[in-house]
All heavy atoms as atom14 arrays in JSON, in Angstrom:
{
  "sequence": "WLIFYPMTFWRAFTRPLSMMRYADDELEDRPEDQYDDTISPPLFL",
  "atom14_mask": [
    [1, 1, 1, 1, 1, 1, 1, 1, 1, 1, 1, 1, 1, 1],
    [1, 1, 1, 1, 1, 1, 1, 1, 0, 0, 0, 0, 0, 0],
    [1, 1, 1, 1, 1, 1, 1, 1, 0, 0, 0, 0, 0, 0],
    [1, 1, 1, 1, 1, 1, 1, 1, 1, 1, 1, 0, 0, 0],
    [1, 1, 1, 1, 1, 1, 1, 1, 1, 1, 1, 1, 0, 0],
    [1, 1, 1, 1, 1, 1, 1, 0, 0, 0, 0, 0, 0, 0],
    [1, 1, 1, 1, 1, 1, 1, 1, 0, 0, 0, 0, 0, 0],
    [1, 1, 1, 1, 1, 1, 1, 0, 0, 0, 0, 0, 0, 0],
    [1, 1, 1, 1, 1, 1, 1, 1, 1, 1, 1, 0, 0, 0],
    [1, 1, 1, 1, 1, 1, 1, 1, 1, 1, 1, 1, 1, 1],
    [1, 1, 1, 1, 1, 1, 1, 1, 1, 1, 1, 0, 0, 0],
    [1, 1, 1, 1, 1, 0, 0, 0, 0, 0, 0, 0, 0, 0],
    [1, 1, 1, 1, 1, 1, 1, 1, 1, 1, 1, 0, 0, 0],
    [1, 1, 1, 1, 1, 1, 1, 0, 0, 0, 0, 0, 0, 0],
    [1, 1, 1, 1, 1, 1, 1, 1, 1, 1, 1, 0, 0, 0],
    [1, 1, 1, 1, 1, 1, 1, 0, 0, 0, 0, 0, 0, 0],
    [1, 1, 1, 1, 1, 1, 1, 1, 0, 0, 0, 0, 0, 0],
    [1, 1, 1, 1, 1, 1, 0, 0, 0, 0, 0, 0, 0, 0],
    [1, 1, 1, 1, 1, 1, 1, 1, 0, 0, 0, 0, 0, 0],
    [1, 1, 1, 1, 1, 1, 1, 1, 0, 0, 0, 0, 0, 0],
    [1, 1, 1, 1, 1, 1, 1, 1, 1, 1, 1, 0, 0, 0],
    [1, 1, 1, 1, 1, 1, 1, 1, 1, 1, 1, 1, 0, 0],
    [1, 1, 1, 1, 1, 0, 0, 0, 0, 0, 0, 0, 0, 0],
    [1, 1, 1, 1, 1, 1, 1, 1, 0, 0, 0, 0, 0, 0],
    [1, 1, 1, 1, 1, 1, 1, 1, 0, 0, 0, 0, 0, 0],
    [1, 1, 1, 1, 1, 1, 1, 1, 1, 0, 0, 0, 0, 0],
    [1, 1, 1, 1, 1, 1, 1, 1, 0, 0, 0, 0, 0, 0],
    [1, 1, 1, 1, 1, 1, 1, 1, 1, 0, 0, 0, 0, 0],
    [1, 1, 1, 1, 1, 1, 1, 1, 0, 0, 0, 0, 0, 0],
    [1, 1, 1, 1, 1, 1, 1, 1, 1, 1, 1, 0, 0, 0],
    [1, 1, 1, 1, 1, 1, 1, 0, 0, 0, 0, 0, 0, 0],
    [1, 1, 1, 1, 1, 1, 1, 1, 1, 0, 0, 0, 0, 0],
    [1, 1, 1, 1, 1, 1, 1, 1, 0, 0, 0, 0, 0, 0],
    [1, 1, 1, 1, 1, 1, 1, 1, 1, 0, 0, 0, 0, 0],
    [1, 1, 1, 1, 1, 1, 1, 1, 1, 1, 1, 1, 0, 0],
    [1, 1, 1, 1, 1, 1, 1, 1, 0, 0, 0, 0, 0, 0],
    [1, 1, 1, 1, 1, 1, 1, 1, 0, 0, 0, 0, 0, 0],
    [1, 1, 1, 1, 1, 1, 1, 0, 0, 0, 0, 0, 0, 0],
    [1, 1, 1, 1, 1, 1, 1, 1, 0, 0, 0, 0, 0, 0],
    [1, 1, 1, 1, 1, 1, 0, 0, 0, 0, 0, 0, 0, 0],
    [1, 1, 1, 1, 1, 1, 1, 0, 0, 0, 0, 0, 0, 0],
    [1, 1, 1, 1, 1, 1, 1, 0, 0, 0, 0, 0, 0, 0],
    [1, 1, 1, 1, 1, 1, 1, 1, 0, 0, 0, 0, 0, 0],
    [1, 1, 1, 1, 1, 1, 1, 1, 1, 1, 1, 0, 0, 0],
    [1, 1, 1, 1, 1, 1, 1, 1, 0, 0, 0, 0, 0, 0]
  ],
  "atom14_positions": [
    [[0.83, -1.21, 0.0], [0.0, 0.0, 0.0], [0.86, 1.26, 0.0], [0.44, 2.3, -0.52], [-0.92, 0.02, 1.21], [-1.95, -1.06, 1.24], [-2.28, -1.91, 0.22], [-2.8, -1.41, 2.34], [-3.27, -2.77, 0.61], [-3.61, -2.49, 1.91], [-2.94, -0.93, 3.62], [-4.55, -3.08, 2.74], [-3.88, -1.52, 4.47], [-4.68, -2.59, 4.02]],
    [[2.05, 1.19, 0.62], [2.93, 2.36, 0.67], [3.33, 2.81, -0.73], [3.64, 3.99, -0.94], [4.18, 2.04, 1.49], [3.95, 1.67, 2.96], [5.27, 1.32, 3.64], [3.26, 2.81, 3.7], [0.0, 0.0, 0.0], [0.0, 0.0, 0.0], [0.0, 0.0, 0.0], [0.0, 0.0, 0.0], [0.0, 0.0, 0.0], [0.0, 0.0, 0.0]],
    [[3.32, 1.88, -1.66], [3.67, 2.21, -3.05], [2.42, 2.51, -3.87], [2.34, 3.54, -4.55], [4.45, 1.06, -3.7], [5.77, 0.82, -2.96], [4.72, 1.35, -5.18], [6.53, -0.4, -3.43], [0.0, 0.0, 0.0], [0.0, 0.0, 0.0], [0.0, 0.0, 0.0], [0.0, 0.0, 0.0], [0.0, 0.0, 0.0], [0.0, 0.0, 0.0]],
    [[1.44, 1.61, -3.78], [0.3, 1.72, -4.68], [-0.74, 2.73, -4.23], [-1.48, 3.24, -5.07], [-0.34, 0.34, -4.87], [0.52, -0.61, -5.64], [1.09, -1.7, -5.03], [0.77, -0.41, -6.98], [1.89, -2.59, -5.73], [1.57, -1.27, -7.7], [2.13, -2.36, -7.07], [0.0, 0.0, 0.0], [0.0, 0.0, 0.0], [0.0, 0.0, 0.0]],
    [[-0.81, 3.04, -2.92], [-1.81, 4.04, -2.51], [-1.5, 5.42, -3.07], [-2.38, 6.07, -3.64], [-1.96, 4.09, -0.99], [-2.95, 5.16, -0.57], [-4.33, 4.9, -0.6], [-2.54, 6.43, -0.2], [-5.24, 5.89, -0.28], [-3.44, 7.42, 0.12], [-4.79, 7.14, 0.08], [-5.7, 8.12, 0.4], [0.0, 0.0, 0.0], [0.0, 0.0, 0.0]],
    [[-0.27, 5.95, -2.9], [0.01, 7.27, -3.49], [-0.19, 7.29, -5.0], [-0.68, 8.29, -5.56], [1.48, 7.52, -3.12], [1.74, 6.66, -1.96], [0.9, 5.44, -2.15], [0.0, 0.0, 0.0], [0.0, 0.0, 0.0], [0.0, 0.0, 0.0], [0.0, 0.0, 0.0], [0.0, 0.0, 0.0], [0.0, 0.0, 0.0], [0.0, 0.0, 0.0]],
    [[0.19, 6.2, -5.67], [0.0, 6.13, -7.12], [-1.49, 6.18, -7.47], [-1.9, 6.9, -8.4], [0.61, 4.84, -7.66], [2.13, 4.8, -7.61], [2.8, 3.17, -8.05], [2.05, 2.93, -9.67], [0.0, 0.0, 0.0], [0.0, 0.0, 0.0], [0.0, 0.0, 0.0], [0.0, 0.0, 0.0], [0.0, 0.0, 0.0], [0.0, 0.0, 0.0]],
    [[-2.3, 5.43, -6.73], [-3.73, 5.4, -7.0], [-4.37, 6.76, -6.72], [-5.2, 7.24, -7.5], [-4.42, 4.32, -6.14], [-3.78, 3.06, -6.37], [-5.89, 4.2, -6.49], [0.0, 0.0, 0.0], [0.0, 0.0, 0.0], [0.0, 0.0, 0.0], [0.0, 0.0, 0.0], [0.0, 0.0, 0.0], [0.0, 0.0, 0.0], [0.0, 0.0, 0.0]],
    [[-3.96, 7.38, -5.62], [-4.53, 8.69, -5.27], [-4.18, 9.73, -6.33], [-5.05, 10.52, -6.74], [-4.01, 9.15, -3.9], [-4.74, 10.33, -3.34], [-5.8, 10.16, -2.46], [-4.4, 11.63, -3.71], [-6.49, 11.24, -1.94], [-5.09, 12.72, -3.21], [-6.13, 12.52, -2.32], [0.0, 0.0, 0.0], [0.0, 0.0, 0.0], [0.0, 0.0, 0.0]],
    [[-2.94, 9.73, -6.78], [-2.52, 10.71, -7.79], [-3.29, 10.51, -9.09], [-3.75, 11.47, -9.72], [-1.03, 10.6, -8.03], [-0.53, 11.51, -9.11], [-0.09, 11.17, -10.36], [-0.42, 12.94, -9.05], [0.28, 12.28, -11.08], [0.09, 13.38, -10.31], [-0.7, 13.88, -8.06], [0.32, 14.72, -10.58], [-0.48, 15.23, -8.34], [0.03, 15.64, -9.58]],
    [[-3.44, 9.27, -9.5], [-4.17, 8.99, -10.73], [-5.64, 9.35, -10.59], [-6.25, 9.88, -11.53], [-4.01, 7.52, -11.11], [-2.62, 7.15, -11.59], [-2.43, 5.65, -11.74], [-3.36, 5.07, -12.71], [-3.41, 3.78, -12.99], [-2.6, 2.93, -12.36], [-4.26, 3.33, -13.89], [0.0, 0.0, 0.0], [0.0, 0.0, 0.0], [0.0, 0.0, 0.0]],
    [[-6.24, 9.06, -9.43], [-7.65, 9.39, -9.22], [-7.86, 10.9, -9.18], [-8.9, 11.39, -9.65], [-8.14, 8.76, -7.92], [0.0, 0.0, 0.0], [0.0, 0.0, 0.0], [0.0, 0.0, 0.0], [0.0, 0.0, 0.0], [0.0, 0.0, 0.0], [0.0, 0.0, 0.0], [0.0, 0.0, 0.0], [0.0, 0.0, 0.0], [0.0, 0.0, 0.0]],
    [[-6.89, 11.63, -8.64], [-7.04, 13.08, -8.52], [-6.79, 13.79, -9.84], [-7.49, 14.75, -10.18], [-6.07, 13.62, -7.46], [-6.25, 15.08, -7.17], [-7.33, 15.53, -6.44], [-5.33, 16.01, -7.64], [-7.51, 16.89, -6.18], [-5.49, 17.36, -7.39], [-6.58, 17.8, -6.65], [0.0, 0.0, 0.0], [0.0, 0.0, 0.0], [0.0, 0.0, 0.0]],
    [[-5.81, 13.32, -10.6], [-5.46, 14.0, -11.85], [-6.21, 13.47, -13.06], [-6.4, 14.2, -14.04], [-3.94, 13.89, -12.11], [-3.56, 12.5, -12.18], [-3.16, 14.56, -10.99], [0.0, 0.0, 0.0], [0.0, 0.0, 0.0], [0.0, 0.0, 0.0], [0.0, 0.0, 0.0], [0.0, 0.0, 0.0], [0.0, 0.0, 0.0], [0.0, 0.0, 0.0]],
    [[-6.63, 12.2, -13.01], [-7.35, 11.59, -14.14], [-8.56, 10.81, -13.64], [-8.61, 9.57, -13.78], [-6.41, 10.68, -14.92], [-5.28, 11.41, -15.63], [-4.37, 10.42, -16.36], [-3.6, 9.63, -15.41], [-2.93, 8.52, -15.74], [-3.0, 8.06, -16.99], [-2.25, 7.85, -14.84], [0.0, 0.0, 0.0], [0.0, 0.0, 0.0], [0.0, 0.0, 0.0]],
    [[-9.52, 11.49, -13.03], [-10.65, 10.77, -12.43], [-11.47, 9.97, -13.44], [-11.89, 8.85, -13.16], [-11.49, 11.88, -11.79], [-11.09, 13.14, -12.51], [-9.66, 12.95, -12.86], [0.0, 0.0, 0.0], [0.0, 0.0, 0.0], [0.0, 0.0, 0.0], [0.0, 0.0, 0.0], [0.0, 0.0, 0.0], [0.0, 0.0, 0.0], [0.0, 0.0, 0.0]],
    [[-11.69, 10.53, -14.62], [-12.5, 9.83, -15.61], [-11.79, 8.57, -16.1], [-12.43, 7.52, -16.3], [-12.81, 10.75, -16.79], [-14.13, 10.5, -17.52], [-15.3, 10.72, -16.58], [-14.24, 11.38, -18.75], [0.0, 0.0, 0.0], [0.0, 0.0, 0.0], [0.0, 0.0, 0.0], [0.0, 0.0, 0.0], [0.0, 0.0, 0.0], [0.0, 0.0, 0.0]],
    [[-10.49, 8.66, -16.27], [-9.72, 7.51, -16.69], [-9.75, 6.41, -15.64], [-9.85, 5.22, -15.96], [-8.27, 7.93, -16.97], [-7.47, 6.81, -17.25], [0.0, 0.0, 0.0], [0.0, 0.0, 0.0], [0.0, 0.0, 0.0], [0.0, 0.0, 0.0], [0.0, 0.0, 0.0], [0.0, 0.0, 0.0], [0.0, 0.0, 0.0], [0.0, 0.0, 0.0]],
    [[-9.69, 6.79, -14.37], [-9.72, 5.8, -13.29], [-11.09, 5.14, -13.17], [-11.19, 3.94, -12.85], [-9.33, 6.45, -11.97], [-7.85, 6.75, -11.86], [-6.81, 5.27, -11.97], [-7.12, 4.52, -10.37], [0.0, 0.0, 0.0], [0.0, 0.0, 0.0], [0.0, 0.0, 0.0], [0.0, 0.0, 0.0], [0.0, 0.0, 0.0], [0.0, 0.0, 0.0]],
    [[-12.15, 5.88, -13.43], [-13.48, 5.29, -13.39], [-13.66, 4.28, -14.53], [-14.27, 3.22, -14.34], [-14.55, 6.38, -13.44], [-14.67, 7.16, -12.13], [-16.1, 8.26, -12.07], [-15.49, 9.66, -12.98], [0.0, 0.0, 0.0], [0.0, 0.0, 0.0], [0.0, 0.0, 0.0], [0.0, 0.0, 0.0], [0.0, 0.0, 0.0], [0.0, 0.0, 0.0]],
    [[-13.11, 4.59, -15.68], [-13.15, 3.64, -16.79], [-12.29, 2.42, -16.48], [-12.65, 1.29, -16.79], [-12.65, 4.33, -18.07], [-12.78, 3.45, -19.31], [-12.23, 4.14, -20.53], [-12.95, 5.38, -20.83], [-12.42, 6.59, -20.71], [-11.18, 6.73, -20.27], [-13.11, 7.67, -21.0], [0.0, 0.0, 0.0], [0.0, 0.0, 0.0], [0.0, 0.0, 0.0]],
    [[-11.16, 2.66, -15.83], [-10.26, 1.57, -15.44], [-10.96, 0.62, -14.47], [-10.83, -0.6, -14.57], [-9.01, 2.17, -14.8], [-8.14, 1.21, -14.04], [-7.22, 0.4, -14.69], [-8.24, 1.11, -12.65], [-6.42, -0.49, -13.99], [-7.43, 0.23, -11.95], [-6.53, -0.56, -12.62], [-5.74, -1.44, -11.91], [0.0, 0.0, 0.0], [0.0, 0.0, 0.0]],
    [[-11.73, 1.17, -13.51], [-12.44, 0.34, -12.55], [-13.46, -0.57, -13.26], [-13.61, -1.75, -12.9], [-13.15, 1.21, -11.52], [0.0, 0.0, 0.0], [0.0, 0.0, 0.0], [0.0, 0.0, 0.0], [0.0, 0.0, 0.0], [0.0, 0.0, 0.0], [0.0, 0.0, 0.0], [0.0, 0.0, 0.0], [0.0, 0.0, 0.0], [0.0, 0.0, 0.0]],
    [[-14.14, -0.03, -14.25], [-15.09, -0.84, -15.02], [-14.38, -1.98, -15.76], [-14.86, -3.12, -15.77], [-15.84, 0.04, -16.03], [-16.79, 1.0, -15.35], [-17.19, 0.74, -14.2], [-17.13, 2.03, -15.97], [0.0, 0.0, 0.0], [0.0, 0.0, 0.0], [0.0, 0.0, 0.0], [0.0, 0.0, 0.0], [0.0, 0.0, 0.0], [0.0, 0.0, 0.0]],
    [[-13.26, -1.65, -16.36], [-12.53, -2.66, -17.14], [-11.97, -3.76, -16.26], [-11.97, -4.94, -16.64], [-11.4, -2.01, -17.94], [-11.9, -1.05, -19.0], [-13.08, -1.17, -19.4], [-11.13, -0.16, -19.43], [0.0, 0.0, 0.0], [0.0, 0.0, 0.0], [0.0, 0.0, 0.0], [0.0, 0.0, 0.0], [0.0, 0.0, 0.0], [0.0, 0.0, 0.0]],
    [[-11.49, -3.4, -15.07], [-10.86, -4.39, -14.2], [-11.85, -5.43, -13.7], [-11.48, -6.58, -13.43], [-10.2, -3.69, -13.01], [-8.93, -2.95, -13.36], [-7.83, -3.89, -13.85], [-7.41, -4.77, -13.08], [-7.41, -3.74, -15.01], [0.0, 0.0, 0.0], [0.0, 0.0, 0.0], [0.0, 0.0, 0.0], [0.0, 0.0, 0.0], [0.0, 0.0, 0.0]],
    [[-13.11, -5.06, -13.55], [-14.12, -6.01, -13.08], [-14.36, -7.14, -14.08], [-14.94, -8.17, -13.71], [-15.43, -5.28, -12.77], [-15.45, -4.44, -11.5], [-16.77, -3.71, -11.36], [-15.18, -5.29, -10.27], [0.0, 0.0, 0.0], [0.0, 0.0, 0.0], [0.0, 0.0, 0.0], [0.0, 0.0, 0.0], [0.0, 0.0, 0.0], [0.0, 0.0, 0.0]],
    [[-13.94, -6.95, -15.32], [-14.1, -7.99, -16.32], [-12.97, -9.0, -16.29], [-13.05, -10.05, -16.93], [-14.18, -7.35, -17.71], [-15.38, -6.41, -17.86], [-15.4, -5.72, -19.21], [-14.47, -5.99, -20.02], [-16.31, -4.91, -19.47], [0.0, 0.0, 0.0], [0.0, 0.0, 0.0], [0.0, 0.0, 0.0], [0.0, 0.0, 0.0], [0.0, 0.0, 0.0]],
    [[-11.89, -8.7, -15.54], [-10.77, -9.64, -15.42], [-11.07, -10.72, -14.38], [-12.04, -10.63, -13.63], [-9.49, -8.9, -15.02], [-8.99, -7.98, -16.12], [-9.43, -8.14, -17.27], [-8.17, -7.09, -15.81], [0.0, 0.0, 0.0], [0.0, 0.0, 0.0], [0.0, 0.0, 0.0], [0.0, 0.0, 0.0], [0.0, 0.0, 0.0], [0.0, 0.0, 0.0]],
    [[-10.21, -11.72, -14.34], [-10.31, -12.73, -13.31], [-10.04, -12.07, -11.95], [-9.25, -11.12, -11.86], [-9.3, -13.85, -13.54], [-9.55, -14.65, -14.82], [-8.48, -15.71, -14.98], [-7.14, -15.13, -14.99], [-6.02, -15.85, -15.02], [-6.08, -17.18, -15.01], [-4.84, -15.24, -15.04], [0.0, 0.0, 0.0], [0.0, 0.0, 0.0], [0.0, 0.0, 0.0]],
    [[-10.69, -12.55, -10.87], [-10.53, -11.91, -9.55], [-9.07, -11.74, -9.13], [-8.71, -10.71, -8.55], [-11.28, -12.86, -8.61], [-12.31, -13.49, -9.47], [-11.68, -13.64, -10.82], [0.0, 0.0, 0.0], [0.0, 0.0, 0.0], [0.0, 0.0, 0.0], [0.0, 0.0, 0.0], [0.0, 0.0, 0.0], [0.0, 0.0, 0.0], [0.0, 0.0, 0.0]],
    [[-8.23, -12.74, -9.42], [-6.83, -12.65, -9.0], [-6.03, -11.64, -9.81], [-4.94, -11.23, -9.4], [-6.16, -14.02, -9.08], [-6.13, -14.62, -10.48], [-7.35, -15.48, -10.78], [-8.38, -15.32, -10.08], [-7.26, -16.31, -11.7], [0.0, 0.0, 0.0], [0.0, 0.0, 0.0], [0.0, 0.0, 0.0], [0.0, 0.0, 0.0], [0.0, 0.0, 0.0]],
    [[-6.56, -11.21, -10.95], [-5.86, -10.24, -11.8], [-6.4, -8.82, -11.67], [-5.85, -7.9, -12.29], [-5.95, -10.67, -13.27], [-5.24, -11.98, -13.53], [-4.27, -12.27, -12.81], [-5.66, -12.72, -14.45], [0.0, 0.0, 0.0], [0.0, 0.0, 0.0], [0.0, 0.0, 0.0], [0.0, 0.0, 0.0], [0.0, 0.0, 0.0], [0.0, 0.0, 0.0]],
    [[-7.45, -8.64, -10.9], [-8.08, -7.33, -10.8], [-7.23, -6.36, -9.97], [-6.69, -6.74, -8.93], [-9.48, -7.46, -10.19], [-10.47, -8.18, -11.08], [-11.81, -8.37, -10.4], [-12.02, -7.95, -9.26], [-12.74, -9.01, -11.1], [0.0, 0.0, 0.0], [0.0, 0.0, 0.0], [0.0, 0.0, 0.0], [0.0, 0.0, 0.0], [0.0, 0.0, 0.0]],
    [[-7.13, -5.11, -10.44], [-6.47, -4.01, -9.72], [-5.05, -4.4, -9.32], [-4.62, -4.16, -8.19], [-7.31, -3.61, -8.49], [-8.74, -3.35, -8.83], [-9.75, -4.24, -8.47], [-9.11, -2.21, -9.55], [-11.07, -4.02, -8.81], [-10.44, -1.98, -9.9], [-11.4, -2.89, -9.52], [-12.71, -2.67, -9.85], [0.0, 0.0, 0.0], [0.0, 0.0, 0.0]],
    [[-4.31, -4.97, -10.26], [-2.97, -5.45, -9.97], [-1.98, -4.3, -9.81], [-0.97, -4.45, -9.11], [-2.51, -6.39, -11.1], [-1.25, -7.14, -10.73], [-1.19, -7.68, -9.61], [-0.32, -7.17, -11.56], [0.0, 0.0, 0.0], [0.0, 0.0, 0.0], [0.0, 0.0, 0.0], [0.0, 0.0, 0.0], [0.0, 0.0, 0.0], [0.0, 0.0, 0.0]],
    [[-2.23, -3.16, -10.46], [-1.3, -2.03, -10.37], [-1.88, -0.85, -9.59], [-1.33, 0.25, -9.62], [-0.89, -1.57, -11.76], [-2.08, -1.16, -12.62], [-3.21, -1.57, -12.3], [-1.87, -0.45, -13.63], [0.0, 0.0, 0.0], [0.0, 0.0, 0.0], [0.0, 0.0, 0.0], [0.0, 0.0, 0.0], [0.0, 0.0, 0.0], [0.0, 0.0, 0.0]],
    [[-2.99, -1.08, -8.89], [-3.58, -0.05, -8.04], [-4.15, -0.73, -6.8], [-3.94, -1.92, -6.58], [-4.73, 0.7, -8.76], [-5.72, -0.27, -9.16], [-4.24, 1.47, -9.96], [0.0, 0.0, 0.0], [0.0, 0.0, 0.0], [0.0, 0.0, 0.0], [0.0, 0.0, 0.0], [0.0, 0.0, 0.0], [0.0, 0.0, 0.0], [0.0, 0.0, 0.0]],
    [[-4.89, 0.03, -6.0], [-5.63, -0.51, -4.86], [-7.09, -0.58, -5.26], [-7.61, 0.34, -5.9], [-5.43, 0.36, -3.61], [-3.96, 0.3, -3.17], [-6.33, -0.08, -2.47], [-3.63, 1.15, -1.98], [0.0, 0.0, 0.0], [0.0, 0.0, 0.0], [0.0, 0.0, 0.0], [0.0, 0.0, 0.0], [0.0, 0.0, 0.0], [0.0, 0.0, 0.0]],
    [[-7.77, -1.64, -4.89], [-9.17, -1.8, -5.27], [-10.0, -0.63, -4.75], [-9.7, -0.07, -3.68], [-9.72, -3.12, -4.73], [-9.79, -3.09, -3.32], [0.0, 0.0, 0.0], [0.0, 0.0, 0.0], [0.0, 0.0, 0.0], [0.0, 0.0, 0.0], [0.0, 0.0, 0.0], [0.0, 0.0, 0.0], [0.0, 0.0, 0.0], [0.0, 0.0, 0.0]],
    [[-11.02, -0.21, -5.48], [-11.75, 1.03, -5.15], [-12.31, 1.1, -3.73], [-12.07, 2.1, -3.04], [-12.86, 1.07, -6.21], [-12.32, 0.3, -7.35], [-11.47, -0.79, -6.75], [0.0, 0.0, 0.0], [0.0, 0.0, 0.0], [0.0, 0.0, 0.0], [0.0, 0.0, 0.0], [0.0, 0.0, 0.0], [0.0, 0.0, 0.0], [0.0, 0.0, 0.0]],
    [[-13.08, 0.11, -3.24], [-13.59, 0.24, -1.87], [-12.48, 0.32, -0.82], [-12.58, 1.09, 0.14], [-14.45, -1.02, -1.68], [-14.81, -1.44, -3.06], [-13.61, -1.1, -3.89], [0.0, 0.0, 0.0], [0.0, 0.0, 0.0], [0.0, 0.0, 0.0], [0.0, 0.0, 0.0], [0.0, 0.0, 0.0], [0.0, 0.0, 0.0], [0.0, 0.0, 0.0]],
    [[-11.42, -0.47, -1.01], [-10.29, -0.42, -0.08], [-9.59, 0.93, -0.16], [-9.16, 1.48, 0.86], [-9.31, -1.55, -0.38], [-8.08, -1.64, 0.53], [-8.5, -1.83, 1.98], [-7.17, -2.78, 0.08], [0.0, 0.0, 0.0], [0.0, 0.0, 0.0], [0.0, 0.0, 0.0], [0.0, 0.0, 0.0], [0.0, 0.0, 0.0], [0.0, 0.0, 0.0]],
    [[-9.48, 1.48, -1.36], [-8.88, 2.8, -1.55], [-9.66, 3.86, -0.79], [-9.08, 4.72, -0.11], [-8.84, 3.11, -3.04], [-8.35, 4.49, -3.37], [-7.08, 4.9, -2.99], [-9.15, 5.38, -4.08], [-6.61, 6.18, -3.31], [-8.69, 6.65, -4.4], [-7.42, 7.05, -4.01], [0.0, 0.0, 0.0], [0.0, 0.0, 0.0], [0.0, 0.0, 0.0]],
    [[-10.99, 3.8, -0.87], [-11.82, 4.75, -0.14], [-11.66, 4.57, 1.37], [-11.57, 5.55, 2.12], [-13.29, 4.57, -0.55], [-14.32, 5.46, 0.16], [-14.01, 6.93, -0.06], [-15.72, 5.14, -0.32], [0.0, 0.0, 0.0], [0.0, 0.0, 0.0], [0.0, 0.0, 0.0], [0.0, 0.0, 0.0], [0.0, 0.0, 0.0], [0.0, 0.0, 0.0]]
  ]
}
């Protein structure tokens, strides 16, 4: 989280629309592959 939380926050703050589209796309992946380079949305909140 020390690495991926700041990255996720920066991306959500600077590119919110892109992150919302990313969240939609990740739900179509297998559970073990979802949000591999970020923190999952509810946990992020």
